[in-house]
N, C-alpha and C. Protein backbone atom coordinates (compact mmCIF):
# COMPACT_ATOMS: atom_id res chain seq x y z
N MET A 1 54.57 -1.42 13.24
CA MET A 1 53.43 -1.53 14.26
C MET A 1 52.12 -0.88 13.74
N ASN A 2 52.28 0.12 12.88
CA ASN A 2 50.99 0.70 12.36
C ASN A 2 50.34 -0.27 11.46
N ARG A 3 51.01 -1.06 10.62
CA ARG A 3 50.40 -1.97 9.82
C ARG A 3 49.62 -3.05 10.54
N ILE A 4 50.22 -3.67 11.73
CA ILE A 4 49.57 -4.46 12.67
C ILE A 4 48.23 -3.86 13.17
N GLU A 5 48.31 -2.58 13.72
CA GLU A 5 47.20 -1.93 14.40
C GLU A 5 46.17 -1.85 13.31
N ASP A 6 46.47 -1.38 12.03
CA ASP A 6 45.53 -1.11 11.02
C ASP A 6 44.84 -2.44 10.66
N ALA A 7 45.44 -3.52 10.50
CA ALA A 7 44.93 -4.82 10.25
C ALA A 7 43.92 -5.34 11.40
N LEU A 8 44.48 -5.11 12.64
CA LEU A 8 43.47 -5.56 13.78
C LEU A 8 42.29 -4.63 13.70
N ARG A 9 42.42 -3.25 13.48
CA ARG A 9 41.30 -2.31 13.41
C ARG A 9 40.22 -2.78 12.38
N GLN A 10 40.78 -3.13 11.12
CA GLN A 10 39.92 -3.57 10.13
C GLN A 10 39.25 -4.95 10.39
N GLU A 11 39.97 -5.90 11.08
CA GLU A 11 39.38 -7.15 11.41
C GLU A 11 38.21 -6.83 12.55
N ILE A 12 38.55 -5.97 13.35
CA ILE A 12 37.43 -5.60 14.53
C ILE A 12 36.19 -4.94 13.59
N GLU A 13 36.45 -4.20 12.79
CA GLU A 13 35.23 -3.42 12.11
C GLU A 13 34.48 -4.42 11.32
N VAL A 14 35.14 -5.49 10.67
CA VAL A 14 34.47 -6.47 10.01
C VAL A 14 33.60 -7.35 10.92
N ASP A 15 34.25 -7.75 12.16
CA ASP A 15 33.51 -8.53 13.17
C ASP A 15 32.28 -7.67 13.60
N VAL A 16 32.51 -6.49 13.88
CA VAL A 16 31.43 -5.72 14.47
C VAL A 16 30.14 -5.68 13.31
N ARG A 17 30.64 -5.46 12.08
CA ARG A 17 29.59 -5.45 11.07
C ARG A 17 28.83 -6.62 11.09
N ALA A 18 29.60 -7.79 10.98
CA ALA A 18 28.94 -9.03 10.84
C ALA A 18 28.14 -9.42 11.97
N ALA A 19 28.54 -8.90 13.27
CA ALA A 19 27.72 -9.13 14.37
C ALA A 19 26.53 -8.38 14.35
N SER A 20 26.62 -7.07 13.86
CA SER A 20 25.39 -6.29 13.76
C SER A 20 24.49 -6.83 12.76
N GLU A 21 24.91 -7.34 11.58
CA GLU A 21 24.06 -7.87 10.58
C GLU A 21 23.36 -9.04 11.23
N ARG A 22 24.05 -9.97 11.96
CA ARG A 22 23.49 -11.04 12.43
C ARG A 22 22.31 -10.77 13.41
N ALA A 23 22.56 -9.60 14.27
CA ALA A 23 21.57 -9.18 15.07
C ALA A 23 20.34 -8.74 14.48
N LEU A 24 20.41 -7.85 13.43
CA LEU A 24 19.37 -7.55 12.52
C LEU A 24 18.53 -8.52 12.03
N GLN A 25 19.25 -9.68 11.43
CA GLN A 25 18.51 -10.72 10.91
C GLN A 25 17.70 -11.45 12.04
N ARG A 26 18.27 -11.67 13.19
CA ARG A 26 17.72 -12.30 14.23
C ARG A 26 16.39 -11.59 14.76
N ALA A 27 16.46 -10.30 14.68
CA ALA A 27 15.45 -9.46 15.21
C ALA A 27 14.28 -9.65 14.07
N ASP A 28 14.61 -9.77 12.72
CA ASP A 28 13.59 -9.88 11.66
C ASP A 28 13.08 -11.22 11.78
N ALA A 29 13.78 -12.28 12.02
CA ALA A 29 13.34 -13.59 12.08
C ALA A 29 12.42 -13.73 13.25
N ALA A 30 12.65 -13.01 14.32
CA ALA A 30 11.86 -13.23 15.61
C ALA A 30 10.53 -12.39 15.38
N GLY A 31 10.41 -11.71 14.42
CA GLY A 31 9.09 -10.93 14.22
C GLY A 31 8.87 -9.67 15.03
N VAL A 32 10.08 -9.14 15.41
CA VAL A 32 9.92 -8.03 16.09
C VAL A 32 10.05 -6.80 15.26
N VAL A 33 10.19 -6.74 14.06
CA VAL A 33 10.29 -5.69 13.07
C VAL A 33 8.98 -5.63 12.16
N ASP A 34 8.26 -4.52 12.50
CA ASP A 34 7.04 -4.45 11.74
C ASP A 34 7.26 -3.73 10.24
N VAL A 35 8.18 -2.76 10.27
CA VAL A 35 8.58 -2.12 9.04
C VAL A 35 9.98 -2.12 8.85
N ALA A 36 10.41 -2.64 7.78
CA ALA A 36 11.92 -2.71 7.40
C ALA A 36 12.07 -1.55 6.24
N TYR A 37 13.22 -0.93 6.38
CA TYR A 37 13.41 0.04 5.38
C TYR A 37 14.90 -0.06 4.84
N ALA A 38 15.12 0.57 3.79
CA ALA A 38 16.47 0.52 3.16
C ALA A 38 16.61 1.80 2.18
N HIS A 39 17.69 1.86 1.56
CA HIS A 39 17.86 3.09 0.71
C HIS A 39 18.21 2.54 -0.70
N PHE A 40 18.06 3.34 -1.75
CA PHE A 40 18.31 2.97 -3.13
C PHE A 40 18.74 4.28 -3.71
N ASP A 41 19.86 3.96 -4.30
CA ASP A 41 20.64 5.29 -5.00
C ASP A 41 20.15 5.25 -6.57
N SER A 42 19.14 6.14 -6.71
CA SER A 42 18.48 6.00 -8.22
C SER A 42 19.17 7.45 -8.91
N PRO A 43 18.86 7.41 -10.34
CA PRO A 43 19.25 8.58 -11.17
C PRO A 43 18.61 9.88 -10.59
N LEU A 44 17.45 9.70 -9.99
CA LEU A 44 16.75 10.95 -9.24
C LEU A 44 17.27 11.24 -7.80
N GLY A 45 18.10 10.55 -7.42
CA GLY A 45 18.65 10.94 -6.03
C GLY A 45 18.31 9.63 -5.05
N LEU A 46 18.56 9.85 -3.87
CA LEU A 46 18.53 8.78 -3.00
C LEU A 46 16.99 8.51 -2.55
N LEU A 47 16.64 7.19 -2.64
CA LEU A 47 15.20 6.83 -2.25
C LEU A 47 15.21 6.09 -1.02
N LEU A 48 14.28 6.40 -0.20
CA LEU A 48 14.03 5.50 0.95
C LEU A 48 12.79 4.64 0.64
N ILE A 49 13.05 3.26 0.76
CA ILE A 49 11.91 2.32 0.64
C ILE A 49 11.58 1.51 1.90
N ALA A 50 10.38 1.40 2.14
CA ALA A 50 9.97 0.72 3.30
C ALA A 50 8.90 -0.21 3.13
N ALA A 51 8.96 -1.39 3.73
CA ALA A 51 7.86 -2.43 3.54
C ALA A 51 7.49 -3.11 4.89
N THR A 52 6.09 -3.35 4.88
CA THR A 52 5.63 -4.23 5.97
C THR A 52 5.61 -5.63 5.55
N HIS A 53 5.06 -6.55 6.36
CA HIS A 53 5.01 -7.93 6.02
C HIS A 53 3.83 -7.97 4.84
N ALA A 54 3.00 -7.11 4.70
CA ALA A 54 2.11 -7.14 3.63
C ALA A 54 2.70 -6.68 2.25
N GLY A 55 3.57 -5.81 2.32
CA GLY A 55 4.28 -5.39 0.88
C GLY A 55 4.94 -4.03 1.21
N LEU A 56 5.34 -3.44 0.10
CA LEU A 56 5.88 -2.16 -0.09
C LEU A 56 4.87 -1.08 0.35
N VAL A 57 5.33 -0.20 1.40
CA VAL A 57 4.27 0.75 1.85
C VAL A 57 4.84 2.13 1.65
N THR A 58 6.05 2.37 1.51
CA THR A 58 6.69 3.81 1.16
C THR A 58 7.81 3.69 0.19
N LEU A 59 7.79 4.62 -0.73
CA LEU A 59 8.93 5.01 -1.48
C LEU A 59 9.08 6.45 -1.62
N ALA A 60 10.26 6.93 -0.93
CA ALA A 60 10.13 8.53 -0.89
C ALA A 60 11.52 8.97 -1.37
N TYR A 61 11.54 10.24 -1.85
CA TYR A 61 12.75 10.96 -2.11
C TYR A 61 13.27 11.40 -0.86
N VAL A 62 14.51 10.98 -0.52
CA VAL A 62 15.13 11.33 0.76
C VAL A 62 15.35 12.69 1.07
N GLU A 63 15.45 13.55 -0.11
CA GLU A 63 15.48 14.99 -0.03
C GLU A 63 14.32 15.56 0.82
N ASP A 64 13.17 14.78 0.93
CA ASP A 64 12.00 14.97 1.63
C ASP A 64 12.27 14.99 3.13
N ASP A 65 13.41 14.57 3.67
CA ASP A 65 13.78 14.41 4.98
C ASP A 65 13.44 13.07 5.67
N GLU A 66 14.43 12.36 5.61
CA GLU A 66 14.42 10.91 6.05
C GLU A 66 13.84 10.86 7.45
N GLU A 67 14.20 11.69 8.39
CA GLU A 67 13.82 11.60 9.79
C GLU A 67 12.19 11.82 9.86
N ARG A 68 11.80 12.71 9.10
CA ARG A 68 10.25 12.95 9.04
C ARG A 68 9.58 11.82 8.58
N ILE A 69 10.07 11.25 7.35
CA ILE A 69 9.55 10.09 6.78
C ILE A 69 9.41 8.87 7.83
N LEU A 70 10.52 8.57 8.43
CA LEU A 70 10.50 7.45 9.41
C LEU A 70 9.66 7.77 10.62
N ALA A 71 9.66 9.11 11.01
CA ALA A 71 8.63 9.33 12.19
C ALA A 71 7.25 9.15 11.82
N ASP A 72 6.81 9.59 10.50
CA ASP A 72 5.61 9.35 10.19
C ASP A 72 5.30 7.83 10.04
N LEU A 73 6.10 7.05 9.51
CA LEU A 73 5.87 5.62 9.52
C LEU A 73 5.64 5.12 10.94
N ALA A 74 6.48 5.48 11.80
CA ALA A 74 6.31 5.09 13.22
C ALA A 74 5.10 5.38 13.85
N HIS A 75 4.56 6.51 13.47
CA HIS A 75 3.28 7.16 14.03
C HIS A 75 2.11 6.37 13.37
N ARG A 76 2.15 6.33 12.03
CA ARG A 76 0.90 5.74 11.29
C ARG A 76 0.85 4.07 11.27
N LEU A 77 2.12 3.63 11.39
CA LEU A 77 2.17 2.15 11.34
C LEU A 77 2.51 1.42 12.58
N SER A 78 3.89 1.62 12.87
CA SER A 78 4.50 1.21 14.01
C SER A 78 5.73 1.65 14.42
N PRO A 79 6.11 1.77 15.67
CA PRO A 79 7.49 2.31 15.96
C PRO A 79 8.62 1.22 15.90
N ARG A 80 8.10 -0.05 15.40
CA ARG A 80 9.15 -1.13 15.22
C ARG A 80 9.68 -1.10 13.98
N ILE A 81 10.44 -0.16 13.70
CA ILE A 81 11.09 0.12 12.26
C ILE A 81 12.58 -0.19 12.50
N LEU A 82 13.08 -0.85 11.42
CA LEU A 82 14.56 -1.21 11.45
C LEU A 82 15.04 -1.15 9.94
N LEU A 83 16.34 -0.67 9.92
CA LEU A 83 17.02 -0.69 8.53
C LEU A 83 17.47 -2.11 8.37
N LEU A 84 16.77 -2.50 7.37
CA LEU A 84 16.88 -4.05 7.09
C LEU A 84 16.99 -4.26 5.47
N PRO A 85 18.10 -3.89 4.85
CA PRO A 85 18.21 -3.81 3.39
C PRO A 85 18.08 -5.12 2.73
N ARG A 86 18.30 -6.39 3.33
CA ARG A 86 17.95 -7.65 2.68
C ARG A 86 16.62 -7.85 2.42
N ARG A 87 15.62 -7.46 3.58
CA ARG A 87 14.28 -7.68 3.33
C ARG A 87 13.80 -6.92 2.04
N LEU A 88 14.45 -5.87 1.51
CA LEU A 88 14.05 -5.08 0.43
C LEU A 88 14.80 -5.30 -0.82
N ASP A 89 15.55 -6.37 -0.83
CA ASP A 89 16.40 -6.71 -2.08
C ASP A 89 15.69 -6.86 -3.26
N GLY A 90 14.38 -7.47 -3.23
CA GLY A 90 13.63 -7.63 -4.26
C GLY A 90 13.17 -6.18 -5.02
N VAL A 91 12.83 -5.32 -4.08
CA VAL A 91 12.22 -4.03 -4.45
C VAL A 91 13.47 -3.29 -5.19
N ARG A 92 14.66 -3.41 -4.45
CA ARG A 92 15.77 -2.76 -5.09
C ARG A 92 16.15 -3.17 -6.28
N ARG A 93 16.10 -4.46 -6.54
CA ARG A 93 16.45 -5.16 -7.80
C ARG A 93 15.48 -4.74 -8.84
N GLU A 94 14.16 -4.66 -8.65
CA GLU A 94 13.26 -4.16 -9.55
C GLU A 94 13.43 -2.69 -9.87
N LEU A 95 13.78 -1.84 -9.05
CA LEU A 95 13.92 -0.54 -9.12
C LEU A 95 15.22 -0.41 -10.22
N ASP A 96 16.23 -1.10 -9.81
CA ASP A 96 17.54 -1.10 -10.64
C ASP A 96 17.12 -1.43 -12.16
N GLU A 97 16.32 -2.36 -12.20
CA GLU A 97 15.92 -2.97 -13.63
C GLU A 97 15.15 -1.86 -14.31
N TYR A 98 14.05 -1.24 -13.53
CA TYR A 98 13.34 -0.23 -14.18
C TYR A 98 14.33 0.94 -14.60
N PHE A 99 15.21 1.35 -13.74
CA PHE A 99 15.90 2.58 -14.29
C PHE A 99 16.98 2.25 -15.25
N SER A 100 17.31 1.04 -15.49
CA SER A 100 18.01 0.64 -16.58
C SER A 100 17.44 0.19 -17.79
N GLY A 101 16.04 0.37 -17.73
CA GLY A 101 15.19 0.13 -19.09
C GLY A 101 14.95 -1.29 -19.26
N ARG A 102 15.14 -2.19 -18.24
CA ARG A 102 14.94 -3.53 -18.31
C ARG A 102 13.52 -4.11 -17.79
N ARG A 103 12.96 -3.22 -17.12
CA ARG A 103 11.59 -3.60 -16.52
C ARG A 103 10.38 -2.52 -16.72
N THR A 104 9.26 -3.05 -17.07
CA THR A 104 8.17 -2.13 -17.42
C THR A 104 7.06 -2.28 -16.47
N ARG A 105 7.20 -3.13 -15.43
CA ARG A 105 6.07 -3.12 -14.55
C ARG A 105 6.72 -3.78 -13.29
N PHE A 106 6.26 -3.33 -11.97
CA PHE A 106 6.77 -3.83 -10.58
C PHE A 106 5.90 -5.05 -10.20
N ASP A 107 6.41 -6.04 -9.60
CA ASP A 107 5.86 -7.21 -9.30
C ASP A 107 5.68 -7.42 -7.72
N GLN A 108 6.39 -6.35 -7.06
CA GLN A 108 6.25 -6.48 -5.67
C GLN A 108 4.88 -6.23 -5.02
N PRO A 109 4.50 -7.01 -4.14
CA PRO A 109 3.18 -6.67 -3.40
C PRO A 109 3.20 -5.36 -2.69
N LEU A 110 2.08 -4.56 -2.67
CA LEU A 110 1.94 -3.41 -2.19
C LEU A 110 1.03 -3.28 -0.83
N ASP A 111 1.42 -2.62 0.05
CA ASP A 111 0.76 -2.41 1.28
C ASP A 111 -0.16 -1.05 1.20
N TRP A 112 -1.34 -1.13 1.04
CA TRP A 112 -2.20 0.06 0.82
C TRP A 112 -2.75 0.75 2.17
N SER A 113 -2.16 0.36 3.24
CA SER A 113 -2.75 0.69 4.50
C SER A 113 -2.47 2.16 4.75
N LEU A 114 -1.79 2.92 4.01
CA LEU A 114 -1.69 4.38 4.31
C LEU A 114 -2.62 5.14 3.54
N ALA A 115 -3.48 4.53 2.74
CA ALA A 115 -4.34 5.18 1.64
C ALA A 115 -5.78 4.70 2.12
N ARG A 116 -6.78 5.66 2.10
CA ARG A 116 -8.03 5.24 2.43
C ARG A 116 -9.05 5.81 1.50
N GLY A 117 -10.21 5.29 1.38
CA GLY A 117 -11.36 5.80 0.62
C GLY A 117 -10.98 6.23 -0.90
N PHE A 118 -11.34 7.45 -1.24
CA PHE A 118 -11.20 7.73 -2.57
C PHE A 118 -9.72 7.87 -3.00
N THR A 119 -9.05 8.21 -2.10
CA THR A 119 -7.46 8.25 -2.39
C THR A 119 -7.05 6.94 -2.71
N GLU A 120 -7.35 5.89 -2.04
CA GLU A 120 -6.97 4.58 -2.34
C GLU A 120 -7.49 4.17 -3.70
N LYS A 121 -8.74 4.44 -4.00
CA LYS A 121 -9.29 4.09 -5.35
C LYS A 121 -8.39 4.82 -6.49
N VAL A 122 -8.17 6.09 -6.22
CA VAL A 122 -7.23 6.82 -7.23
C VAL A 122 -5.93 6.14 -7.60
N LEU A 123 -5.32 5.74 -6.35
CA LEU A 123 -3.98 5.22 -6.33
C LEU A 123 -4.04 3.82 -7.09
N ARG A 124 -5.03 2.93 -6.70
CA ARG A 124 -5.17 1.72 -7.33
C ARG A 124 -5.38 1.82 -8.92
N ALA A 125 -6.20 2.77 -9.32
CA ALA A 125 -6.42 3.12 -10.65
C ALA A 125 -5.11 3.41 -11.28
N THR A 126 -4.33 4.20 -10.64
CA THR A 126 -3.02 4.76 -11.19
C THR A 126 -2.05 3.67 -11.37
N ALA A 127 -2.07 2.62 -10.43
CA ALA A 127 -1.19 1.54 -10.41
C ALA A 127 -1.37 0.68 -11.63
N ARG A 128 -2.54 0.75 -12.38
CA ARG A 128 -2.92 0.02 -13.55
C ARG A 128 -2.58 0.79 -14.79
N ILE A 129 -1.99 2.04 -14.79
CA ILE A 129 -1.69 2.77 -15.93
C ILE A 129 -0.35 2.14 -16.56
N PRO A 130 -0.52 1.66 -17.87
CA PRO A 130 0.56 1.01 -18.56
C PRO A 130 1.87 1.72 -18.61
N TYR A 131 3.04 1.28 -18.57
CA TYR A 131 4.25 1.72 -18.75
C TYR A 131 4.23 2.56 -20.12
N GLY A 132 4.72 3.80 -20.00
CA GLY A 132 4.89 4.51 -21.31
C GLY A 132 3.71 5.24 -21.79
N ARG A 133 2.57 5.14 -21.07
CA ARG A 133 1.24 5.66 -21.44
C ARG A 133 1.04 6.93 -20.52
N VAL A 134 0.28 8.01 -20.94
CA VAL A 134 -0.24 8.97 -19.92
C VAL A 134 -1.73 9.14 -20.07
N VAL A 135 -2.36 9.28 -18.92
CA VAL A 135 -3.76 9.60 -18.86
C VAL A 135 -3.92 10.86 -18.11
N SER A 136 -5.23 11.53 -18.27
CA SER A 136 -5.54 12.70 -17.60
C SER A 136 -5.92 12.48 -16.06
N TYR A 137 -5.94 13.65 -15.41
CA TYR A 137 -6.39 13.55 -14.09
C TYR A 137 -7.92 13.16 -14.09
N ARG A 138 -8.67 13.60 -14.98
CA ARG A 138 -10.11 13.34 -15.10
C ARG A 138 -10.35 11.83 -15.40
N GLU A 139 -9.42 11.29 -16.30
CA GLU A 139 -9.68 9.79 -16.51
C GLU A 139 -9.33 8.90 -15.21
N VAL A 140 -8.23 9.41 -14.50
CA VAL A 140 -8.11 8.71 -13.32
C VAL A 140 -9.21 8.90 -12.26
N ALA A 141 -9.71 10.08 -12.16
CA ALA A 141 -10.97 10.32 -11.39
C ALA A 141 -12.07 9.20 -11.75
N THR A 142 -12.37 9.24 -13.14
CA THR A 142 -13.39 8.29 -13.73
C THR A 142 -13.09 6.89 -13.37
N ARG A 143 -11.88 6.56 -13.60
CA ARG A 143 -11.60 5.14 -13.15
C ARG A 143 -11.78 4.69 -11.83
N ALA A 144 -11.53 5.79 -10.88
CA ALA A 144 -11.73 5.65 -9.43
C ALA A 144 -13.24 5.80 -8.99
N GLY A 145 -14.09 6.12 -9.93
CA GLY A 145 -15.44 6.08 -9.63
C GLY A 145 -16.27 7.46 -9.48
N ASN A 146 -15.59 8.43 -9.88
CA ASN A 146 -16.14 9.87 -9.69
C ASN A 146 -15.43 10.86 -10.78
N GLU A 147 -15.94 10.91 -11.96
CA GLU A 147 -15.39 11.81 -13.09
C GLU A 147 -15.28 13.19 -12.56
N ARG A 148 -16.11 13.51 -11.83
CA ARG A 148 -16.13 15.08 -11.42
C ARG A 148 -15.10 15.36 -10.44
N ALA A 149 -14.60 14.43 -9.72
CA ALA A 149 -13.61 14.52 -8.53
C ALA A 149 -12.20 14.79 -9.12
N VAL A 150 -11.94 15.56 -10.09
CA VAL A 150 -10.67 15.96 -10.68
C VAL A 150 -9.63 16.47 -9.55
N ARG A 151 -10.14 17.36 -8.89
CA ARG A 151 -9.12 18.00 -7.93
C ARG A 151 -8.87 17.10 -6.70
N ALA A 152 -9.90 16.24 -6.38
CA ALA A 152 -9.61 15.34 -5.32
C ALA A 152 -8.83 14.17 -5.83
N ALA A 153 -8.81 13.88 -7.10
CA ALA A 153 -7.82 12.92 -7.77
C ALA A 153 -6.54 13.54 -7.67
N GLY A 154 -6.27 14.80 -8.01
CA GLY A 154 -4.96 15.44 -7.97
C GLY A 154 -4.51 15.48 -6.55
N ARG A 155 -5.25 15.63 -5.49
CA ARG A 155 -4.79 15.77 -4.12
C ARG A 155 -4.30 14.32 -3.80
N ALA A 156 -5.14 13.28 -4.16
CA ALA A 156 -4.74 11.84 -3.88
C ALA A 156 -3.30 11.61 -4.53
N LEU A 157 -3.17 11.96 -5.70
CA LEU A 157 -1.90 11.58 -6.43
C LEU A 157 -0.78 12.46 -5.73
N GLY A 158 -1.07 13.60 -5.28
CA GLY A 158 -0.15 14.42 -4.45
C GLY A 158 0.36 13.73 -3.24
N SER A 159 -0.45 12.90 -2.65
CA SER A 159 -0.35 12.20 -1.35
C SER A 159 0.34 10.81 -1.63
N ASN A 160 0.57 10.46 -2.79
CA ASN A 160 1.02 9.10 -3.21
C ASN A 160 2.28 8.71 -2.47
N ARG A 161 2.33 7.67 -1.63
CA ARG A 161 3.51 7.19 -0.78
C ARG A 161 4.30 6.33 -1.71
N LEU A 162 3.80 5.80 -2.69
CA LEU A 162 4.62 5.00 -3.67
C LEU A 162 4.86 5.45 -5.09
N PRO A 163 5.38 6.70 -5.23
CA PRO A 163 5.74 7.21 -6.43
C PRO A 163 6.69 6.25 -7.18
N ILE A 164 6.74 6.32 -8.47
CA ILE A 164 7.37 5.47 -9.49
C ILE A 164 6.70 4.12 -9.56
N VAL A 165 6.56 3.50 -8.36
CA VAL A 165 5.85 2.05 -8.35
C VAL A 165 4.28 2.23 -8.69
N VAL A 166 3.84 3.24 -7.99
CA VAL A 166 2.40 3.53 -8.27
C VAL A 166 2.70 4.87 -9.16
N PRO A 167 2.56 4.75 -10.59
CA PRO A 167 3.14 5.77 -11.35
C PRO A 167 2.30 7.00 -11.57
N CYS A 168 2.27 7.88 -10.60
CA CYS A 168 1.59 9.17 -10.71
C CYS A 168 2.14 10.04 -11.77
N HIS A 169 3.43 9.61 -12.11
CA HIS A 169 4.05 10.59 -13.27
C HIS A 169 3.41 10.26 -14.47
N ARG A 170 2.57 9.38 -14.62
CA ARG A 170 1.84 9.06 -15.94
C ARG A 170 0.62 9.75 -15.95
N VAL A 171 0.31 10.66 -15.05
CA VAL A 171 -1.06 11.45 -14.99
C VAL A 171 -0.72 12.85 -15.28
N VAL A 172 -1.46 13.40 -16.40
CA VAL A 172 -1.10 14.67 -16.70
C VAL A 172 -2.39 15.45 -16.87
N ARG A 173 -2.40 16.82 -17.06
CA ARG A 173 -3.48 17.71 -17.14
C ARG A 173 -4.27 17.39 -18.58
N THR A 174 -5.61 17.51 -18.51
CA THR A 174 -6.22 17.39 -19.77
C THR A 174 -5.69 18.43 -20.81
N GLY A 175 -5.40 18.23 -21.96
CA GLY A 175 -4.56 19.06 -22.80
C GLY A 175 -3.16 18.80 -22.87
N GLY A 176 -2.63 18.01 -21.97
CA GLY A 176 -1.43 17.53 -21.99
C GLY A 176 -0.29 18.31 -21.12
N ALA A 177 -0.79 19.28 -20.48
CA ALA A 177 0.32 19.92 -19.43
C ALA A 177 0.61 18.92 -18.38
N LEU A 178 1.88 18.99 -17.93
CA LEU A 178 2.35 17.91 -16.99
C LEU A 178 1.68 17.98 -15.64
N GLY A 179 1.18 19.04 -15.18
CA GLY A 179 0.57 19.15 -13.75
C GLY A 179 1.59 19.10 -12.88
N GLY A 180 1.40 18.56 -11.63
CA GLY A 180 2.28 18.46 -10.46
C GLY A 180 3.01 17.17 -10.39
N TYR A 181 3.89 17.18 -9.42
CA TYR A 181 4.50 15.87 -9.09
C TYR A 181 5.24 16.17 -7.65
N THR A 182 5.08 15.20 -6.82
CA THR A 182 5.73 15.21 -5.53
C THR A 182 7.17 15.47 -5.64
N GLY A 183 7.76 14.89 -6.43
CA GLY A 183 9.32 15.11 -6.40
C GLY A 183 9.84 16.25 -7.31
N GLY A 184 8.94 16.92 -7.82
CA GLY A 184 9.25 18.03 -8.70
C GLY A 184 8.98 17.73 -10.36
N LEU A 185 8.72 18.66 -11.12
CA LEU A 185 8.41 18.46 -12.38
C LEU A 185 9.65 17.83 -13.21
N ALA A 186 10.81 18.15 -12.84
CA ALA A 186 12.03 17.62 -13.57
C ALA A 186 12.03 16.08 -13.34
N LYS A 187 11.68 15.65 -12.18
CA LYS A 187 11.56 14.18 -12.07
C LYS A 187 10.53 13.47 -12.87
N LYS A 188 9.45 14.08 -12.92
CA LYS A 188 8.32 13.68 -13.70
C LYS A 188 8.73 13.59 -15.14
N GLU A 189 9.39 14.71 -15.55
CA GLU A 189 9.90 14.58 -17.09
C GLU A 189 10.82 13.56 -17.28
N PHE A 190 11.77 13.35 -16.33
CA PHE A 190 12.77 12.30 -16.47
C PHE A 190 11.98 10.94 -16.49
N LEU A 191 11.15 10.69 -15.66
CA LEU A 191 10.48 9.27 -15.74
C LEU A 191 9.71 9.09 -17.00
N LEU A 192 8.97 10.19 -17.48
CA LEU A 192 8.31 9.96 -18.66
C LEU A 192 9.25 9.86 -20.01
N ASP A 193 10.35 10.59 -19.90
CA ASP A 193 11.31 10.31 -21.03
C ASP A 193 11.88 8.81 -20.90
N LEU A 194 12.27 8.41 -19.59
CA LEU A 194 12.67 7.02 -19.54
C LEU A 194 11.80 6.01 -20.06
N GLU A 195 10.43 6.14 -19.90
CA GLU A 195 9.57 5.24 -20.50
C GLU A 195 9.16 5.41 -21.82
N GLY A 196 9.73 6.61 -22.44
CA GLY A 196 9.30 6.80 -23.75
C GLY A 196 7.85 7.25 -24.00
N ALA A 197 7.17 7.94 -22.98
CA ALA A 197 5.95 8.33 -23.10
C ALA A 197 5.77 9.52 -23.99
N PRO A 198 4.64 9.63 -24.72
CA PRO A 198 4.36 10.67 -25.57
C PRO A 198 4.57 12.15 -24.74
N SER A 199 5.17 13.08 -25.48
CA SER A 199 5.31 14.40 -24.92
C SER A 199 4.01 15.16 -24.70
N PRO A 200 3.83 15.69 -23.64
CA PRO A 200 2.59 16.49 -23.31
C PRO A 200 2.53 17.56 -24.27
């Protein structure tokens, strides 16, 4: 009897998962989801990735507190947020290729709506830093239009909502010291080593 009960339980669980997946896809198709999110298990730990219809809007280290990240997205963008991994398959594939050394640039569209003014300029300049290269905070500030705004550039990079994809890990201090990094210096070192960037 236990085998029959186990088989029935497994069948019910499969049906529930399938029904749940269909409901999520219907919600997405109906346009009631403004922000889709998913998880990606990276060599640096679990990442939360989120996208709007405009593009990738957040990539965060989950150790930073998933509930806080989602609450912030709900407050700043829309409360219509749903776990929809399929919508983020392209991003997850590109991240997998990046971490396995098979991708040197990301092709996903980006949603810049969480960045404004000089911060957005700094992040857009950072997004153009080539794979495996490093530049100084001063150089990023210059590319963003104000060579004297080095500290402001550092703050902008510290607020980067799209680390890895917008590669703030490629920005170091003048003289080569690593500087800071949202995920911690060990993560910054890992990413620079992965890309074969010159040692600071």
